[in-house]
Amino acid sequence: MPVQAIGRLLTEPQRRDVFRLLVAAQDCDMTVAESRQMIMETRGLTNSQVIEIEQEGVAGRWPPL
């Protein structure tokens, strides 16, 4: 199910892009908390939404896993 984001729904490709950015940030030595904060600030998402996308990506084994 798409994640609600500031009055609009994120598509799966958009959620996959958020997940890719989270993984890339963590690969560049950002902590999990720092990478989530960056996504919240740049994408206008809540912490809950970022965590939901993160869990969806891990469960679905989305790239770059």
Protein backbone atom coordinates (compact mmCIF):
# COMPACT_ATOMS: atom_id res chain seq x y z
CA MET A 1 0.00 0.00 0.00
CA PRO A 2 1.37 3.46 -0.86
CA VAL A 3 2.61 5.69 1.93
CA GLN A 4 0.73 8.97 2.60
CA ALA A 5 3.02 11.97 2.12
CA ILE A 6 1.78 15.52 2.64
CA GLY A 7 -1.50 15.23 0.80
CA ARG A 8 -0.27 12.85 -1.91
CA LEU A 9 0.50 9.18 -2.26
CA LEU A 10 3.97 7.92 -3.02
CA THR A 11 4.17 5.39 -5.80
CA GLU A 12 6.26 2.27 -5.45
CA PRO A 13 9.04 3.74 -7.64
CA GLN A 14 9.12 6.80 -5.36
CA ARG A 15 9.29 4.61 -2.25
CA ARG A 16 12.07 2.55 -3.85
CA ASP A 17 13.98 5.77 -4.53
CA VAL A 18 13.62 6.82 -0.89
CA PHE A 19 14.89 3.38 0.17
CA ARG A 20 17.84 3.64 -2.21
CA LEU A 21 18.75 7.03 -0.75
CA LEU A 22 18.53 5.68 2.80
CA VAL A 23 20.87 2.80 2.00
CA ALA A 24 23.29 5.05 0.12
CA ALA A 25 23.43 7.54 2.99
CA GLN A 26 24.15 4.75 5.47
CA ASP A 27 26.83 3.35 3.16
CA CYS A 28 28.46 6.80 3.31
CA ASP A 29 28.78 6.53 7.09
CA MET A 30 25.55 8.30 8.10
CA THR A 31 23.83 6.70 11.04
CA VAL A 32 20.34 5.28 10.61
CA ALA A 33 18.92 8.26 12.52
CA GLU A 34 20.87 10.75 10.38
CA SER A 35 19.77 9.13 7.13
CA ARG A 36 16.13 9.11 8.25
CA GLN A 37 16.38 12.78 9.25
CA MET A 38 17.86 13.68 5.87
CA ILE A 39 14.98 11.93 4.06
CA MET A 40 12.39 13.57 6.29
CA GLU A 41 13.84 17.00 5.54
CA THR A 42 14.41 16.54 1.82
CA ARG A 43 11.28 14.53 0.98
CA GLY A 44 8.81 16.01 3.46
CA LEU A 45 8.05 12.66 5.07
CA THR A 46 7.40 11.82 8.71
CA ASN A 47 9.63 9.52 10.71
CA SER A 48 6.88 6.88 10.64
CA GLN A 49 6.64 7.06 6.86
CA VAL A 50 10.40 6.71 6.45
CA ILE A 51 10.47 3.71 8.78
CA GLU A 52 7.56 2.13 6.88
CA ILE A 53 9.41 2.55 3.58
CA GLU A 54 12.58 1.19 5.15
CA GLN A 55 10.72 -1.90 6.39
CA GLU A 56 9.02 -2.39 3.02
CA GLY A 57 12.38 -2.19 1.25
CA VAL A 58 14.06 -4.68 3.56
CA ALA A 59 11.10 -7.10 3.41
CA GLY A 60 11.00 -6.83 -0.39
CA ARG A 61 14.80 -7.05 -0.69
CA TRP A 62 14.78 -3.94 -2.86
CA PRO A 63 18.04 -2.85 -4.46
CA PRO A 64 20.63 -1.95 -3.41
CA LEU A 65 20.34 -4.79 -0.87
